[in-house]
């Protein structure tokens, strides 16, 4: 069975290495990772498709697969996944305010909400931790077309800002991502037919 997320203990086995060495290398090389529940606690797991080639090669050998075959199987599905994983955050950004219902929400606000949802989908597909995704987004590496389209309505330069979006989306769906204040002067050209002209 191919696992898309691997703990250091498993990587250590098929690389004939030590778990501490793997964890240290993961930190130094910024391997995409996340926490998952295990044995009544949590453990750090690493995204298999983003691992260095030498680690992936050892993993392929352990599965009796060619490296190219393993890489092909680890590619994300092209099918749109409706469910979005929402990571939890206990900081103040997790607090959510009351949101306005979608009924009666201006078209422009709905289009902003839809673009913000696409940004959350891009985050979910990236497998990156929130801080790394924010950095990639702010530097124009992740979802640059959404950053251009959203403008100031795509401002996620702080973790608490983005975690608030995630919490509001988790609780209220699309309505939670619509701006809850006056839109001010939003250039109409950005939102004609839901996309930038």
C-alpha atoms as a PDB file:
ATOM      1  CA  UNK A   1       0.000   0.000   0.000  1.00  0.00           C
ATOM      2  CA  UNK A   2       1.274   3.454  -0.934  1.00  0.00           C
ATOM      3  CA  UNK A   3       0.968   6.072   1.782  1.00  0.00           C
ATOM      4  CA  UNK A   4       0.859   9.710   0.714  1.00  0.00           C
ATOM      5  CA  UNK A   5       2.002  10.904   4.166  1.00  0.00           C
ATOM      6  CA  UNK A   6       4.843   9.145   5.981  1.00  0.00           C
ATOM      7  CA  UNK A   7       6.056   9.383   9.598  1.00  0.00           C
ATOM      8  CA  UNK A   8       9.781   9.682  10.310  1.00  0.00           C
ATOM      9  CA  UNK A   9       9.746   6.228  11.918  1.00  0.00           C
ATOM     10  CA  UNK A  10       8.624   4.615   8.650  1.00  0.00           C
ATOM     11  CA  UNK A  11      11.059   6.653   6.548  1.00  0.00           C
ATOM     12  CA  UNK A  12      13.835   5.587   8.929  1.00  0.00           C
ATOM     13  CA  UNK A  13      13.017   1.920   8.301  1.00  0.00           C
ATOM     14  CA  UNK A  14      13.161   1.939   4.503  1.00  0.00           C
ATOM     15  CA  UNK A  15      16.190   4.268   4.419  1.00  0.00           C
ATOM     16  CA  UNK A  16      18.025   2.270   7.119  1.00  0.00           C
ATOM     17  CA  UNK A  17      18.477   5.490   9.045  1.00  0.00           C
ATOM     18  CA  UNK A  18      17.613   6.889  12.457  1.00  0.00           C
ATOM     19  CA  UNK A  19      14.308   8.641  13.174  1.00  0.00           C
ATOM     20  CA  UNK A  20      16.117  11.622  14.742  1.00  0.00           C
ATOM     21  CA  UNK A  21      18.283  12.006  11.634  1.00  0.00           C
ATOM     22  CA  UNK A  22      15.170  12.000   9.450  1.00  0.00           C
ATOM     23  CA  UNK A  23      13.416  14.613  11.594  1.00  0.00           C
ATOM     24  CA  UNK A  24      16.502  16.840  11.620  1.00  0.00           C
ATOM     25  CA  UNK A  25      16.869  16.601   7.846  1.00  0.00           C
ATOM     26  CA  UNK A  26      13.150  17.333   7.395  1.00  0.00           C
ATOM     27  CA  UNK A  27      13.488  20.534   9.418  1.00  0.00           C
ATOM     28  CA  UNK A  28      16.669  21.619   7.639  1.00  0.00           C
ATOM     29  CA  UNK A  29      15.233  20.938   4.181  1.00  0.00           C
ATOM     30  CA  UNK A  30      11.696  22.206   4.958  1.00  0.00           C
ATOM     31  CA  UNK A  31       9.814  19.049   3.975  1.00  0.00           C
ATOM     32  CA  UNK A  32       6.049  19.689   3.722  1.00  0.00           C
ATOM     33  CA  UNK A  33       4.465  18.133   6.789  1.00  0.00           C
ATOM     34  CA  UNK A  34       1.401  18.053   9.005  1.00  0.00           C
ATOM     35  CA  UNK A  35       0.307  16.544  12.310  1.00  0.00           C
ATOM     36  CA  UNK A  36      -2.032  13.570  12.433  1.00  0.00           C
ATOM     37  CA  UNK A  37      -3.679  11.670  15.264  1.00  0.00           C
ATOM     38  CA  UNK A  38      -1.915   8.453  16.274  1.00  0.00           C
ATOM     39  CA  UNK A  39      -2.051   6.225  19.368  1.00  0.00           C
ATOM     40  CA  UNK A  40      -4.028   8.720  21.423  1.00  0.00           C
ATOM     41  CA  UNK A  41      -1.656  11.572  20.561  1.00  0.00           C
ATOM     42  CA  UNK A  42      -0.272  13.242  17.463  1.00  0.00           C
ATOM     43  CA  UNK A  43       2.683  12.607  15.214  1.00  0.00           C
ATOM     44  CA  UNK A  44       4.402  14.534  12.434  1.00  0.00           C
ATOM     45  CA  UNK A  45       4.036  13.047   8.940  1.00  0.00           C
ATOM     46  CA  UNK A  46       5.721  14.150   5.723  1.00  0.00           C
ATOM     47  CA  UNK A  47       4.188  14.488   2.274  1.00  0.00           C
ATOM     48  CA  UNK A  48       5.579  11.578   0.269  1.00  0.00           C
ATOM     49  CA  UNK A  49       5.453  13.199  -3.181  1.00  0.00           C
ATOM     50  CA  UNK A  50       7.513  16.165  -1.915  1.00  0.00           C
ATOM     51  CA  UNK A  51      10.297  14.096  -0.348  1.00  0.00           C
ATOM     52  CA  UNK A  52      13.849  14.319  -1.789  1.00  0.00           C
ATOM     53  CA  UNK A  53      14.637  11.902  -4.610  1.00  0.00           C
ATOM     54  CA  UNK A  54      16.943   9.690  -2.526  1.00  0.00           C
ATOM     55  CA  UNK A  55      14.178   9.166   0.054  1.00  0.00           C
ATOM     56  CA  UNK A  56      11.596   8.533  -2.668  1.00  0.00           C
ATOM     57  CA  UNK A  57      13.915   6.051  -4.374  1.00  0.00           C
ATOM     58  CA  UNK A  58      14.312   4.089  -1.128  1.00  0.00           C
ATOM     59  CA  UNK A  59      10.534   4.179  -0.662  1.00  0.00           C
ATOM     60  CA  UNK A  60      10.008   2.900  -4.219  1.00  0.00           C
ATOM     61  CA  UNK A  61      12.467   0.035  -3.606  1.00  0.00           C
ATOM     62  CA  UNK A  62      10.635  -0.906  -0.387  1.00  0.00           C
ATOM     63  CA  UNK A  63       7.391  -1.132  -2.398  1.00  0.00           C
ATOM     64  CA  UNK A  64       9.093  -2.972  -5.276  1.00  0.00           C
ATOM     65  CA  UNK A  65       8.184  -0.189  -7.691  1.00  0.00           C
ATOM     66  CA  UNK A  66      10.168   1.880 -10.174  1.00  0.00           C
ATOM     67  CA  UNK A  67      10.698   5.463  -8.979  1.00  0.00           C
ATOM     68  CA  UNK A  68       8.708   6.846 -11.926  1.00  0.00           C
ATOM     69  CA  UNK A  69       5.777   4.534 -11.130  1.00  0.00           C
ATOM     70  CA  UNK A  70       5.769   5.657  -7.488  1.00  0.00           C
ATOM     71  CA  UNK A  71       5.929   9.328  -8.482  1.00  0.00           C
ATOM     72  CA  UNK A  72       3.041   8.803 -10.892  1.00  0.00           C
ATOM     73  CA  UNK A  73       0.902   7.179  -8.186  1.00  0.00           C
ATOM     74  CA  UNK A  74       1.682   9.946  -5.702  1.00  0.00           C
ATOM     75  CA  UNK A  75       0.475  12.704  -8.007  1.00  0.00           C
ATOM     76  CA  UNK A  76      -2.632  14.423  -6.661  1.00  0.00           C
ATOM     77  CA  UNK A  77      -5.930  13.362  -8.182  1.00  0.00           C
ATOM     78  CA  UNK A  78      -7.138  15.541 -11.016  1.00  0.00           C
ATOM     79  CA  UNK A  79     -10.689  15.143  -9.751  1.00  0.00           C
ATOM     80  CA  UNK A  80     -12.031  18.052  -7.769  1.00  0.00           C
ATOM     81  CA  UNK A  81     -12.370  17.127  -4.121  1.00  0.00           C
ATOM     82  CA  UNK A  82     -15.313  18.839  -2.488  1.00  0.00           C
ATOM     83  CA  UNK A  83     -14.118  18.291   1.058  1.00  0.00           C
ATOM     84  CA  UNK A  84     -11.481  20.705   2.296  1.00  0.00           C
ATOM     85  CA  UNK A  85      -9.375  19.921   5.339  1.00  0.00           C
ATOM     86  CA  UNK A  86      -9.479  22.789   7.803  1.00  0.00           C
ATOM     87  CA  UNK A  87      -6.550  22.805  10.243  1.00  0.00           C
ATOM     88  CA  UNK A  88      -7.311  23.925  13.777  1.00  0.00           C
ATOM     89  CA  UNK A  89      -5.749  26.928  15.472  1.00  0.00           C
ATOM     90  CA  UNK A  90      -6.125  28.016  19.124  1.00  0.00           C
ATOM     91  CA  UNK A  91      -4.929  31.573  18.618  1.00  0.00           C
ATOM     92  CA  UNK A  92      -7.179  34.586  18.448  1.00  0.00           C
ATOM     93  CA  UNK A  93      -7.575  34.144  14.697  1.00  0.00           C
ATOM     94  CA  UNK A  94      -9.744  31.095  15.382  1.00  0.00           C
ATOM     95  CA  UNK A  95     -12.469  33.266  16.885  1.00  0.00           C
ATOM     96  CA  UNK A  96     -15.229  33.982  14.437  1.00  0.00           C
ATOM     97  CA  UNK A  97     -17.742  36.812  14.338  1.00  0.00           C
ATOM     98  CA  UNK A  98     -21.344  36.588  13.212  1.00  0.00           C
ATOM     99  CA  UNK A  99     -21.659  36.408   9.442  1.00  0.00           C
ATOM    100  CA  UNK A 100     -24.303  37.722   7.109  1.00  0.00           C
ATOM    101  CA  UNK A 101     -26.365  35.079   5.267  1.00  0.00           C
ATOM    102  CA  UNK A 102     -25.711  34.567   1.556  1.00  0.00           C
ATOM    103  CA  UNK A 103     -29.206  35.736   0.707  1.00  0.00           C
ATOM    104  CA  UNK A 104     -28.986  39.428  -0.006  1.00  0.00           C
ATOM    105  CA  UNK A 105     -25.169  39.410  -0.244  1.00  0.00           C
ATOM    106  CA  UNK A 106     -23.907  41.566  -3.110  1.00  0.00           C
ATOM    107  CA  UNK A 107     -22.663  39.751  -6.229  1.00  0.00           C
ATOM    108  CA  UNK A 108     -19.212  41.277  -5.814  1.00  0.00           C
ATOM    109  CA  UNK A 109     -18.953  39.933  -2.250  1.00  0.00           C
ATOM    110  CA  UNK A 110     -20.039  36.480  -3.448  1.00  0.00           C
ATOM    111  CA  UNK A 111     -17.360  36.503  -6.146  1.00  0.00           C
ATOM    112  CA  UNK A 112     -14.733  37.501  -3.578  1.00  0.00           C
ATOM    113  CA  UNK A 113     -15.918  34.638  -1.351  1.00  0.00           C
ATOM    114  CA  UNK A 114     -15.653  32.182  -4.280  1.00  0.00           C
ATOM    115  CA  UNK A 115     -12.100  33.339  -5.034  1.00  0.00           C
ATOM    116  CA  UNK A 116     -11.168  33.010  -1.354  1.00  0.00           C
ATOM    117  CA  UNK A 117     -12.535  29.454  -1.398  1.00  0.00           C
ATOM    118  CA  UNK A 118     -10.290  28.701  -4.396  1.00  0.00           C
ATOM    119  CA  UNK A 119      -7.369  30.006  -2.352  1.00  0.00           C
ATOM    120  CA  UNK A 120      -8.268  27.624   0.497  1.00  0.00           C
ATOM    121  CA  UNK A 121      -8.453  24.797  -2.057  1.00  0.00           C
ATOM    122  CA  UNK A 122      -4.986  25.792  -3.341  1.00  0.00           C
ATOM    123  CA  UNK A 123      -3.694  25.694   0.252  1.00  0.00           C
ATOM    124  CA  UNK A 124      -5.275  22.287   0.821  1.00  0.00           C
ATOM    125  CA  UNK A 125      -3.786  20.882  -2.405  1.00  0.00           C
ATOM    126  CA  UNK A 126      -0.321  22.291  -1.640  1.00  0.00           C
ATOM    127  CA  UNK A 127       0.234  20.146   1.463  1.00  0.00           C
ATOM    128  CA  UNK A 128       2.216  23.023   2.952  1.00  0.00           C
ATOM    129  CA  UNK A 129       1.911  24.185   6.563  1.00  0.00           C
ATOM    130  CA  UNK A 130       0.077  27.519   6.880  1.00  0.00           C
ATOM    131  CA  UNK A 131       3.222  29.675   7.398  1.00  0.00           C
ATOM    132  CA  UNK A 132       4.942  28.223   4.313  1.00  0.00           C
ATOM    133  CA  UNK A 133       1.817  28.587   2.185  1.00  0.00           C
ATOM    134  CA  UNK A 134       1.408  32.228   3.253  1.00  0.00           C
ATOM    135  CA  UNK A 135       5.031  32.933   2.312  1.00  0.00           C
ATOM    136  CA  UNK A 136       4.595  31.227  -1.072  1.00  0.00           C
ATOM    137  CA  UNK A 137       1.368  33.152  -1.702  1.00  0.00           C
ATOM    138  CA  UNK A 138       2.806  36.516  -0.657  1.00  0.00           C
ATOM    139  CA  UNK A 139       5.833  35.924  -2.921  1.00  0.00           C
ATOM    140  CA  UNK A 140       3.611  35.126  -5.910  1.00  0.00           C
ATOM    141  CA  UNK A 141       4.613  31.449  -6.020  1.00  0.00           C
ATOM    142  CA  UNK A 142       1.315  29.905  -4.844  1.00  0.00           C
ATOM    143  CA  UNK A 143      -1.921  30.866  -6.637  1.00  0.00           C
ATOM    144  CA  UNK A 144      -0.550  34.092  -8.192  1.00  0.00           C
ATOM    145  CA  UNK A 145      -3.671  34.572 -10.339  1.00  0.00           C
ATOM    146  CA  UNK A 146      -5.861  34.580  -7.204  1.00  0.00           C
ATOM    147  CA  UNK A 147      -3.548  37.034  -5.461  1.00  0.00           C
ATOM    148  CA  UNK A 148      -3.868  39.400  -8.414  1.00  0.00           C
ATOM    149  CA  UNK A 149      -7.631  38.938  -8.632  1.00  0.00           C
ATOM    150  CA  UNK A 150      -8.339  39.306  -4.908  1.00  0.00           C
ATOM    151  CA  UNK A 151      -6.044  42.273  -4.301  1.00  0.00           C
ATOM    152  CA  UNK A 152      -6.544  43.561  -0.757  1.00  0.00           C
ATOM    153  CA  UNK A 153      -9.374  41.039  -0.264  1.00  0.00           C
ATOM    154  CA  UNK A 154      -6.785  38.270  -0.476  1.00  0.00           C
ATOM    155  CA  UNK A 155      -4.627  39.636   2.325  1.00  0.00           C
ATOM    156  CA  UNK A 156      -3.384  36.653   4.388  1.00  0.00           C
ATOM    157  CA  UNK A 157      -0.011  38.033   5.449  1.00  0.00           C
ATOM    158  CA  UNK A 158      -0.503  36.809   9.040  1.00  0.00           C
ATOM    159  CA  UNK A 159      -1.332  33.301  10.241  1.00  0.00           C
ATOM    160  CA  UNK A 160      -4.210  34.550  12.397  1.00  0.00           C
ATOM    161  CA  UNK A 161      -5.746  36.220   9.339  1.00  0.00           C
ATOM    162  CA  UNK A 162      -5.718  33.013   7.319  1.00  0.00           C
ATOM    163  CA  UNK A 163      -6.794  30.846  10.255  1.00  0.00           C
ATOM    164  CA  UNK A 164      -9.791  33.153  10.686  1.00  0.00           C
ATOM    165  CA  UNK A 165     -10.761  32.491   7.055  1.00  0.00           C
ATOM    166  CA  UNK A 166     -10.387  28.748   7.624  1.00  0.00           C
ATOM    167  CA  UNK A 167     -12.440  28.828  10.817  1.00  0.00           C
ATOM    168  CA  UNK A 168     -15.175  30.961   9.259  1.00  0.00           C
ATOM    169  CA  UNK A 169     -15.310  28.721   6.194  1.00  0.00           C
ATOM    170  CA  UNK A 170     -15.433  25.609   8.392  1.00  0.00           C
ATOM    171  CA  UNK A 171     -18.362  27.028  10.368  1.00  0.00           C
ATOM    172  CA  UNK A 172     -20.323  29.024   7.831  1.00  0.00           C
ATOM    173  CA  UNK A 173     -19.269  27.754   4.404  1.00  0.00           C
ATOM    174  CA  UNK A 174     -19.080  30.248   1.543  1.00  0.00           C
ATOM    175  CA  UNK A 175     -20.932  32.912   3.564  1.00  0.00           C
ATOM    176  CA  UNK A 176     -18.034  32.989   6.024  1.00  0.00           C
ATOM    177  CA  UNK A 177     -15.633  34.071   3.278  1.00  0.00           C
ATOM    178  CA  UNK A 178     -17.700  36.975   1.985  1.00  0.00           C
ATOM    179  CA  UNK A 179     -16.478  40.403   3.170  1.00  0.00           C
ATOM    180  CA  UNK A 180     -18.563  41.372   6.198  1.00  0.00           C
ATOM    181  CA  UNK A 181     -18.013  45.101   5.780  1.00  0.00           C
ATOM    182  CA  UNK A 182     -18.502  47.677   3.033  1.00  0.00           C
ATOM    183  CA  UNK A 183     -16.654  46.796  -0.135  1.00  0.00           C
ATOM    184  CA  UNK A 184     -15.649  50.362  -0.824  1.00  0.00           C
ATOM    185  CA  UNK A 185     -14.283  50.995  -4.282  1.00  0.00           C
ATOM    186  CA  UNK A 186     -13.704  47.573  -5.808  1.00  0.00           C
ATOM    187  CA  UNK A 187     -12.858  47.888  -9.499  1.00  0.00           C
ATOM    188  CA  UNK A 188     -15.720  46.148 -11.313  1.00  0.00           C
ATOM    189  CA  UNK A 189     -13.347  44.812 -13.959  1.00  0.00           C
ATOM    190  CA  UNK A 190     -11.865  42.425 -11.369  1.00  0.00           C
ATOM    191  CA  UNK A 191     -15.155  40.630 -10.844  1.00  0.00           C
ATOM    192  CA  UNK A 192     -16.940  40.719 -14.199  1.00  0.00           C
ATOM    193  CA  UNK A 193     -18.167  37.185 -14.873  1.00  0.00           C
ATOM    194  CA  UNK A 194     -16.295  36.040 -11.776  1.00  0.00           C
ATOM    195  CA  UNK A 195     -12.826  36.579 -13.117  1.00  0.00           C
ATOM    196  CA  UNK A 196     -10.381  39.344 -13.894  1.00  0.00           C
ATOM    197  CA  UNK A 197     -10.602  40.679 -17.427  1.00  0.00           C
END
